[in-house]
């Protein structure tokens, strides 16, 4: 879907983190399978991938303020539940959870997508303010800090467990705009989740853009196949 006509209003871009800027290496399924193997349980990585997809998307643990509210305690509890559902065969789920919790808080367990660094620098060169808005928890701070190319973004992280609401709750996007010092219609939200990053953003008055690196979209939503396309969009309006 053509979206460039809306670019002239944009003064800032907020990127989702996981699946948009960074990805786990090894994959989530491989990490979970390895945790089970350490307890003597051999599981098929494809099956674990399917289980994780199911339970991650179906799981919803609301925090003290109701629907889609969260905090650090809520996220810890939420992830403990996901691990137990994905790995029901293991004899010591608490140990596996603690191992995985630490694992995904280490920058060396993540990598940056190839199109990220050039895109962010290009947008900054165009005078746009760049932030990150994520449904991760506070572990995202040391992860991002561990990449020299992204470490400057640590003060520009808006994290759901810290602001009290998860995407796609409008209060999350309200917090993003307040911290950026911009009106919602001046902010473009870019991410790999249509509900959280596109529709949720649009309902809150922001622009939303879907990152469709795998070509999975059906054309109903504004999308790019590569983040570097954003530079050309911005340059065309400069």
Foldseek 3Di string as FASTA:
>chain_A
DDDLVLQLLAQAEAEAPDQTWKHFVVHPLVLLQVLQVVQVDHDDSVLLVVLLVVLVVPQDQADPVDDQWAAPVSVLVSQLVSSCRSCVPGPDSVVSSVVVVVLVLALVRMDTPPQRLVLVVLCVVLNHHYAYEYQDHPSVLNNQCVDPSRNVRSVRYQYRNVQTGAFLPLSSVVVNCVVVVHDQCNYEFEYADCRGAAVSSVVNPHHGEHACCPVPDDPPHHYDNGSNVVSVSSVVSD
